[in-house]
Amino acid sequence: MEIEQLINGSCHCKSVCFSIARSSLSVRRCYCETCRKLSGSDYSSVARVARDKFTVISGAKQLVSYESRPGKQRFYCANCYSPIYVTTNNEPEFLRVRTGLLDGATQVEVTGHMWVSEKPAWVAIEDDKPIYLDHYDGPPDPL
């Protein structure tokens, strides 16, 4: 039996630590206005992760949430405000984690771009990965 490879991540202050099963990652760049406003960046790289492949190792009591739109909860560290993960009512079996939270030199491959309809004009997409004008709800890509 093969042992599942785990990737660890944490918030800035290390109060919240988590692990993700590597096989469950599906990474996209999101250009939606909400992700841009809440991250202060041109886009965010998010990993769509099966909920049962994500584990909060420590700091669960530090998590606070914010409903950024009906049915979409964003969970943050109450101490440093790092965004930990996002859940949606329309996709309860998955959550989304920002790849910037992954510890160490973890290699991830961006497999597409979503919410390109809200991409700022000054941002160029410089690869040939799939482009989605809005959300992407497909199955996780194999790594």
N, C-alpha and C. Protein backbone atom coordinates (compact mmCIF):
# COMPACT_ATOMS: atom_id res chain seq x y z
N MET A 1 0.83 -1.18 0.00
CA MET A 1 0.00 0.00 0.00
C MET A 1 0.88 1.25 0.00
N GLU A 2 0.59 2.15 -0.91
CA GLU A 2 1.37 3.37 -1.05
C GLU A 2 0.91 4.41 -0.02
N ILE A 3 1.88 5.07 0.61
CA ILE A 3 1.57 6.10 1.60
C ILE A 3 1.35 7.42 0.87
N GLU A 4 0.27 8.10 1.23
CA GLU A 4 -0.08 9.39 0.62
C GLU A 4 0.95 10.44 1.01
N GLN A 5 1.50 11.15 0.02
CA GLN A 5 2.46 12.22 0.28
C GLN A 5 1.68 13.46 0.74
N LEU A 6 2.13 14.05 1.86
CA LEU A 6 1.46 15.23 2.41
C LEU A 6 2.30 16.47 2.18
N ILE A 7 1.60 17.58 1.99
CA ILE A 7 2.23 18.89 1.90
C ILE A 7 1.75 19.67 3.11
N ASN A 8 2.67 20.32 3.81
CA ASN A 8 2.30 21.12 4.97
C ASN A 8 2.22 22.59 4.60
N GLY A 9 1.38 23.30 5.35
CA GLY A 9 1.24 24.73 5.16
C GLY A 9 0.93 25.40 6.49
N SER A 10 1.04 26.72 6.50
CA SER A 10 0.77 27.46 7.73
C SER A 10 0.48 28.91 7.41
N CYS A 11 -0.10 29.58 8.39
CA CYS A 11 -0.33 31.01 8.28
C CYS A 11 0.98 31.74 8.58
N HIS A 12 0.97 33.05 8.46
CA HIS A 12 2.19 33.83 8.67
C HIS A 12 2.75 33.69 10.08
N CYS A 13 1.88 33.70 11.09
CA CYS A 13 2.36 33.63 12.48
C CYS A 13 2.53 32.20 12.98
N LYS A 14 2.22 31.22 12.14
CA LYS A 14 2.35 29.79 12.46
C LYS A 14 1.35 29.30 13.50
N SER A 15 0.32 30.10 13.79
CA SER A 15 -0.72 29.66 14.72
C SER A 15 -1.58 28.56 14.13
N VAL A 16 -1.84 28.64 12.82
CA VAL A 16 -2.64 27.64 12.13
C VAL A 16 -1.72 26.86 11.18
N CYS A 17 -1.68 25.55 11.38
CA CYS A 17 -0.89 24.67 10.52
C CYS A 17 -1.81 23.60 9.96
N PHE A 18 -1.55 23.21 8.72
CA PHE A 18 -2.41 22.23 8.07
C PHE A 18 -1.59 21.32 7.16
N SER A 19 -2.21 20.24 6.71
CA SER A 19 -1.60 19.36 5.72
C SER A 19 -2.63 19.07 4.63
N ILE A 20 -2.09 18.81 3.44
CA ILE A 20 -2.91 18.49 2.26
C ILE A 20 -2.29 17.26 1.62
N ALA A 21 -3.14 16.34 1.19
CA ALA A 21 -2.65 15.20 0.40
C ALA A 21 -2.27 15.73 -0.98
N ARG A 22 -1.03 15.53 -1.36
CA ARG A 22 -0.52 16.07 -2.63
C ARG A 22 -1.38 15.66 -3.82
N SER A 23 -1.87 14.44 -3.81
CA SER A 23 -2.65 13.94 -4.96
C SER A 23 -3.95 14.69 -5.16
N SER A 24 -4.39 15.46 -4.16
CA SER A 24 -5.67 16.14 -4.27
C SER A 24 -5.56 17.55 -4.84
N LEU A 25 -4.36 18.05 -5.09
CA LEU A 25 -4.19 19.43 -5.54
C LEU A 25 -4.61 19.64 -6.99
N SER A 26 -5.32 20.71 -7.22
CA SER A 26 -5.63 21.20 -8.54
C SER A 26 -5.48 22.72 -8.46
N VAL A 27 -4.40 23.27 -9.02
CA VAL A 27 -4.05 24.67 -8.80
C VAL A 27 -4.47 25.53 -10.00
N ARG A 28 -5.15 26.62 -9.70
CA ARG A 28 -5.55 27.60 -10.71
C ARG A 28 -5.19 28.99 -10.20
N ARG A 29 -4.97 29.88 -11.13
CA ARG A 29 -4.84 31.30 -10.78
C ARG A 29 -6.22 31.91 -10.90
N CYS A 30 -6.61 32.64 -9.86
CA CYS A 30 -7.93 33.28 -9.84
C CYS A 30 -7.76 34.79 -9.92
N TYR A 31 -8.46 35.40 -10.88
CA TYR A 31 -8.36 36.83 -11.13
C TYR A 31 -9.60 37.58 -10.67
N CYS A 32 -10.49 36.92 -9.92
CA CYS A 32 -11.74 37.59 -9.52
C CYS A 32 -11.43 38.79 -8.62
N GLU A 33 -12.31 39.76 -8.66
CA GLU A 33 -12.11 40.98 -7.88
C GLU A 33 -12.02 40.69 -6.38
N THR A 34 -12.81 39.74 -5.90
CA THR A 34 -12.79 39.43 -4.47
C THR A 34 -11.42 38.90 -4.05
N CYS A 35 -10.89 37.93 -4.78
CA CYS A 35 -9.55 37.39 -4.44
C CYS A 35 -8.50 38.49 -4.51
N ARG A 36 -8.60 39.35 -5.52
CA ARG A 36 -7.63 40.44 -5.65
C ARG A 36 -7.72 41.41 -4.48
N LYS A 37 -8.93 41.79 -4.11
CA LYS A 37 -9.11 42.74 -3.00
C LYS A 37 -8.68 42.15 -1.67
N LEU A 38 -8.99 40.86 -1.44
CA LEU A 38 -8.67 40.24 -0.15
C LEU A 38 -7.21 39.81 -0.05
N SER A 39 -6.50 39.75 -1.18
CA SER A 39 -5.09 39.38 -1.12
C SER A 39 -4.17 40.56 -1.37
N GLY A 40 -4.69 41.64 -1.98
CA GLY A 40 -3.86 42.77 -2.33
C GLY A 40 -2.93 42.48 -3.49
N SER A 41 -3.27 41.49 -4.30
CA SER A 41 -2.41 41.07 -5.40
C SER A 41 -3.21 41.05 -6.71
N ASP A 42 -2.50 40.91 -7.82
CA ASP A 42 -3.14 40.90 -9.14
C ASP A 42 -4.03 39.67 -9.34
N TYR A 43 -3.68 38.57 -8.67
CA TYR A 43 -4.44 37.31 -8.73
C TYR A 43 -4.00 36.48 -7.53
N SER A 44 -4.71 35.40 -7.29
CA SER A 44 -4.26 34.48 -6.25
C SER A 44 -4.16 33.09 -6.87
N SER A 45 -3.17 32.34 -6.42
CA SER A 45 -3.04 30.95 -6.85
C SER A 45 -3.72 30.10 -5.79
N VAL A 46 -4.73 29.36 -6.22
CA VAL A 46 -5.53 28.58 -5.28
C VAL A 46 -5.52 27.10 -5.66
N ALA A 47 -5.43 26.28 -4.65
CA ALA A 47 -5.47 24.83 -4.85
C ALA A 47 -6.86 24.34 -4.47
N ARG A 48 -7.54 23.71 -5.40
CA ARG A 48 -8.84 23.09 -5.13
C ARG A 48 -8.53 21.73 -4.54
N VAL A 49 -8.93 21.53 -3.29
CA VAL A 49 -8.55 20.34 -2.52
C VAL A 49 -9.80 19.61 -2.04
N ALA A 50 -9.80 18.30 -2.19
CA ALA A 50 -10.89 17.50 -1.62
C ALA A 50 -10.89 17.71 -0.11
N ARG A 51 -12.04 18.00 0.46
CA ARG A 51 -12.15 18.32 1.89
C ARG A 51 -11.56 17.22 2.76
N ASP A 52 -11.74 15.97 2.38
CA ASP A 52 -11.22 14.87 3.20
C ASP A 52 -9.71 14.69 3.04
N LYS A 53 -9.07 15.49 2.20
CA LYS A 53 -7.61 15.44 2.01
C LYS A 53 -6.93 16.65 2.66
N PHE A 54 -7.69 17.44 3.40
CA PHE A 54 -7.18 18.63 4.09
C PHE A 54 -7.37 18.45 5.58
N THR A 55 -6.31 18.68 6.36
CA THR A 55 -6.39 18.53 7.81
C THR A 55 -5.76 19.72 8.50
N VAL A 56 -6.48 20.34 9.43
CA VAL A 56 -5.90 21.36 10.29
C VAL A 56 -5.15 20.62 11.39
N ILE A 57 -3.84 20.79 11.43
CA ILE A 57 -3.00 20.09 12.40
C ILE A 57 -3.01 20.81 13.74
N SER A 58 -2.96 22.14 13.69
CA SER A 58 -3.01 22.93 14.93
C SER A 58 -3.62 24.29 14.63
N GLY A 59 -4.22 24.87 15.64
CA GLY A 59 -4.76 26.21 15.52
C GLY A 59 -6.20 26.30 15.04
N ALA A 60 -6.95 25.23 15.08
CA ALA A 60 -8.34 25.27 14.61
C ALA A 60 -9.15 26.34 15.35
N LYS A 61 -8.84 26.56 16.62
CA LYS A 61 -9.57 27.57 17.39
C LYS A 61 -9.20 29.00 16.97
N GLN A 62 -8.12 29.14 16.22
CA GLN A 62 -7.70 30.45 15.72
C GLN A 62 -8.44 30.85 14.45
N LEU A 63 -9.18 29.92 13.85
CA LEU A 63 -9.86 30.21 12.59
C LEU A 63 -11.12 31.04 12.80
N VAL A 64 -11.24 32.10 12.04
CA VAL A 64 -12.45 32.92 11.99
C VAL A 64 -12.88 32.95 10.53
N SER A 65 -14.16 33.23 10.29
CA SER A 65 -14.62 33.22 8.90
C SER A 65 -15.35 34.50 8.55
N TYR A 66 -15.43 34.71 7.26
CA TYR A 66 -16.07 35.88 6.67
C TYR A 66 -16.84 35.39 5.45
N GLU A 67 -18.11 35.74 5.35
CA GLU A 67 -18.90 35.35 4.18
C GLU A 67 -18.75 36.45 3.13
N SER A 68 -17.92 36.18 2.11
CA SER A 68 -17.62 37.19 1.10
C SER A 68 -18.75 37.38 0.09
N ARG A 69 -19.58 36.39 -0.03
CA ARG A 69 -20.82 36.45 -0.80
C ARG A 69 -21.69 35.31 -0.29
N PRO A 70 -22.98 35.34 -0.54
CA PRO A 70 -23.84 34.27 -0.01
C PRO A 70 -23.34 32.88 -0.41
N GLY A 71 -23.13 32.03 0.60
CA GLY A 71 -22.70 30.66 0.36
C GLY A 71 -21.21 30.46 0.22
N LYS A 72 -20.42 31.51 0.39
CA LYS A 72 -18.96 31.41 0.27
C LYS A 72 -18.31 31.94 1.54
N GLN A 73 -17.68 31.01 2.29
CA GLN A 73 -17.02 31.34 3.55
C GLN A 73 -15.51 31.34 3.36
N ARG A 74 -14.87 32.38 3.85
CA ARG A 74 -13.40 32.49 3.82
C ARG A 74 -12.91 32.40 5.25
N PHE A 75 -11.98 31.47 5.48
CA PHE A 75 -11.45 31.24 6.82
C PHE A 75 -10.05 31.83 6.94
N TYR A 76 -9.83 32.58 8.02
CA TYR A 76 -8.58 33.29 8.27
C TYR A 76 -8.04 32.95 9.64
N CYS A 77 -6.74 33.18 9.83
CA CYS A 77 -6.15 33.12 11.17
C CYS A 77 -6.57 34.39 11.90
N ALA A 78 -7.12 34.25 13.10
CA ALA A 78 -7.58 35.39 13.89
C ALA A 78 -6.42 36.25 14.39
N ASN A 79 -5.22 35.70 14.38
CA ASN A 79 -4.07 36.43 14.89
C ASN A 79 -3.38 37.26 13.80
N CYS A 80 -3.03 36.65 12.66
CA CYS A 80 -2.27 37.36 11.62
C CYS A 80 -3.11 37.66 10.38
N TYR A 81 -4.33 37.16 10.31
CA TYR A 81 -5.26 37.39 9.21
C TYR A 81 -4.87 36.73 7.89
N SER A 82 -3.95 35.77 7.93
CA SER A 82 -3.64 35.03 6.71
C SER A 82 -4.88 34.26 6.26
N PRO A 83 -5.19 34.28 4.96
CA PRO A 83 -6.33 33.51 4.45
C PRO A 83 -5.96 32.03 4.39
N ILE A 84 -6.71 31.18 5.09
CA ILE A 84 -6.35 29.76 5.16
C ILE A 84 -7.07 28.96 4.08
N TYR A 85 -8.40 29.03 4.05
CA TYR A 85 -9.13 28.30 3.00
C TYR A 85 -10.50 28.91 2.79
N VAL A 86 -11.14 28.49 1.70
CA VAL A 86 -12.47 28.97 1.30
C VAL A 86 -13.36 27.75 1.07
N THR A 87 -14.61 27.85 1.52
CA THR A 87 -15.60 26.82 1.23
C THR A 87 -16.79 27.47 0.52
N THR A 88 -17.51 26.66 -0.26
CA THR A 88 -18.72 27.14 -0.93
C THR A 88 -19.84 26.13 -0.75
N ASN A 89 -21.05 26.63 -0.65
CA ASN A 89 -22.21 25.75 -0.49
C ASN A 89 -22.44 24.90 -1.74
N ASN A 90 -22.09 25.43 -2.92
CA ASN A 90 -22.36 24.68 -4.15
C ASN A 90 -21.32 23.59 -4.41
N GLU A 91 -20.26 23.54 -3.61
CA GLU A 91 -19.23 22.53 -3.79
C GLU A 91 -18.71 22.09 -2.41
N PRO A 92 -19.58 21.49 -1.59
CA PRO A 92 -19.22 21.20 -0.20
C PRO A 92 -18.11 20.16 -0.02
N GLU A 93 -17.84 19.36 -1.03
CA GLU A 93 -16.82 18.32 -0.90
C GLU A 93 -15.40 18.85 -1.17
N PHE A 94 -15.28 20.14 -1.53
CA PHE A 94 -13.98 20.73 -1.81
C PHE A 94 -13.79 22.02 -1.01
N LEU A 95 -12.53 22.41 -0.87
CA LEU A 95 -12.20 23.73 -0.37
C LEU A 95 -11.04 24.25 -1.20
N ARG A 96 -10.78 25.53 -1.07
CA ARG A 96 -9.69 26.14 -1.83
C ARG A 96 -8.68 26.75 -0.86
N VAL A 97 -7.41 26.45 -1.10
CA VAL A 97 -6.32 26.91 -0.24
C VAL A 97 -5.37 27.73 -1.09
N ARG A 98 -4.92 28.86 -0.59
CA ARG A 98 -3.94 29.67 -1.31
C ARG A 98 -2.58 28.99 -1.26
N THR A 99 -1.96 28.81 -2.40
CA THR A 99 -0.69 28.08 -2.46
C THR A 99 0.45 28.84 -1.80
N GLY A 100 0.31 30.14 -1.60
CA GLY A 100 1.33 30.91 -0.90
C GLY A 100 1.50 30.50 0.55
N LEU A 101 0.55 29.74 1.08
CA LEU A 101 0.63 29.26 2.47
C LEU A 101 1.44 27.98 2.60
N LEU A 102 1.77 27.33 1.48
CA LEU A 102 2.49 26.05 1.54
C LEU A 102 3.91 26.29 2.02
N ASP A 103 4.37 25.44 2.93
CA ASP A 103 5.69 25.59 3.53
C ASP A 103 6.78 24.99 2.64
N GLY A 104 7.97 25.55 2.75
CA GLY A 104 9.12 24.99 2.05
C GLY A 104 9.09 25.26 0.57
N ALA A 105 9.81 24.45 -0.15
CA ALA A 105 9.96 24.60 -1.60
C ALA A 105 9.03 23.64 -2.35
N THR A 106 7.80 23.58 -1.92
CA THR A 106 6.83 22.69 -2.54
C THR A 106 6.63 23.08 -4.00
N GLN A 107 6.67 22.10 -4.86
CA GLN A 107 6.43 22.33 -6.29
C GLN A 107 4.96 22.09 -6.59
N VAL A 108 4.31 23.06 -7.20
CA VAL A 108 2.94 22.89 -7.68
C VAL A 108 2.90 23.40 -9.12
N GLU A 109 2.01 22.84 -9.89
CA GLU A 109 1.85 23.26 -11.27
C GLU A 109 0.51 23.95 -11.44
N VAL A 110 0.53 25.16 -11.96
CA VAL A 110 -0.71 25.87 -12.27
C VAL A 110 -1.29 25.20 -13.51
N THR A 111 -2.55 24.79 -13.40
CA THR A 111 -3.18 24.04 -14.48
C THR A 111 -4.24 24.85 -15.23
N GLY A 112 -4.44 26.11 -14.85
CA GLY A 112 -5.41 26.93 -15.56
C GLY A 112 -5.62 28.28 -14.89
N HIS A 113 -6.45 29.09 -15.53
CA HIS A 113 -6.75 30.44 -15.07
C HIS A 113 -8.26 30.59 -15.00
N MET A 114 -8.78 31.07 -13.85
CA MET A 114 -10.23 31.23 -13.70
C MET A 114 -10.58 32.68 -13.38
N TRP A 115 -11.81 33.03 -13.64
CA TRP A 115 -12.34 34.37 -13.49
C TRP A 115 -11.52 35.37 -14.30
N VAL A 116 -11.12 34.94 -15.49
CA VAL A 116 -10.35 35.81 -16.38
C VAL A 116 -11.20 37.00 -16.83
N SER A 117 -12.52 36.86 -16.78
CA SER A 117 -13.41 37.98 -17.13
C SER A 117 -13.21 39.17 -16.20
N GLU A 118 -12.61 38.96 -15.02
CA GLU A 118 -12.36 40.05 -14.06
C GLU A 118 -10.88 40.38 -13.92
N LYS A 119 -10.05 39.86 -14.81
CA LYS A 119 -8.60 40.08 -14.78
C LYS A 119 -8.30 41.55 -15.07
N PRO A 120 -7.41 42.16 -14.28
CA PRO A 120 -7.01 43.55 -14.58
C PRO A 120 -6.33 43.64 -15.94
N ALA A 121 -6.50 44.74 -16.63
CA ALA A 121 -5.94 44.92 -17.96
C ALA A 121 -4.42 44.85 -17.96
N TRP A 122 -3.79 45.22 -16.87
CA TRP A 122 -2.33 45.24 -16.82
C TRP A 122 -1.69 43.87 -16.60
N VAL A 123 -2.50 42.85 -16.34
CA VAL A 123 -1.98 41.51 -16.10
C VAL A 123 -2.04 40.70 -17.39
N ALA A 124 -0.91 40.10 -17.75
CA ALA A 124 -0.84 39.27 -18.95
C ALA A 124 -0.76 37.80 -18.55
N ILE A 125 -1.50 36.95 -19.25
CA ILE A 125 -1.39 35.51 -19.07
C ILE A 125 -0.36 35.04 -20.10
N GLU A 126 0.73 34.48 -19.60
CA GLU A 126 1.85 34.18 -20.48
C GLU A 126 2.12 32.69 -20.63
N ASP A 127 1.07 31.89 -20.56
CA ASP A 127 1.22 30.46 -20.80
C ASP A 127 0.02 29.98 -21.61
N ASP A 128 0.01 28.71 -21.93
CA ASP A 128 -1.09 28.17 -22.74
C ASP A 128 -2.03 27.29 -21.93
N LYS A 129 -2.09 27.52 -20.62
CA LYS A 129 -2.99 26.75 -19.75
C LYS A 129 -4.44 27.13 -20.05
N PRO A 130 -5.40 26.25 -19.75
CA PRO A 130 -6.81 26.54 -20.01
C PRO A 130 -7.27 27.83 -19.31
N ILE A 131 -8.15 28.55 -19.99
CA ILE A 131 -8.70 29.80 -19.47
C ILE A 131 -10.20 29.63 -19.28
N TYR A 132 -10.67 30.03 -18.10
CA TYR A 132 -12.11 29.97 -17.77
C TYR A 132 -12.55 31.40 -17.48
N LEU A 133 -13.58 31.86 -18.17
CA LEU A 133 -14.04 33.24 -17.98
C LEU A 133 -14.59 33.48 -16.58
N ASP A 134 -15.12 32.43 -15.96
CA ASP A 134 -15.59 32.56 -14.58
C ASP A 134 -15.03 31.40 -13.76
N HIS A 135 -15.85 30.77 -12.91
CA HIS A 135 -15.36 29.74 -12.00
C HIS A 135 -15.03 28.44 -12.73
N TYR A 136 -14.30 27.59 -12.01
CA TYR A 136 -13.99 26.26 -12.51
C TYR A 136 -14.44 25.26 -11.45
N ASP A 137 -15.35 24.37 -11.78
CA ASP A 137 -15.86 23.38 -10.85
C ASP A 137 -15.60 21.95 -11.30
N GLY A 138 -14.66 21.79 -12.19
CA GLY A 138 -14.37 20.44 -12.70
C GLY A 138 -13.60 19.61 -11.72
N PRO A 139 -13.29 18.38 -12.10
CA PRO A 139 -12.56 17.48 -11.20
C PRO A 139 -11.11 17.94 -11.03
N PRO A 140 -10.49 17.58 -9.91
CA PRO A 140 -9.07 17.92 -9.74
C PRO A 140 -8.24 17.29 -10.85
N ASP A 141 -7.24 18.01 -11.28
CA ASP A 141 -6.34 17.49 -12.31
C ASP A 141 -5.34 16.53 -11.68
N PRO A 142 -4.97 15.47 -12.38
CA PRO A 142 -3.92 14.60 -11.86
C PRO A 142 -2.58 15.31 -11.91
N LEU A 143 -1.72 15.06 -10.93
CA LEU A 143 -0.39 15.69 -10.94
C LEU A 143 0.63 14.74 -11.50
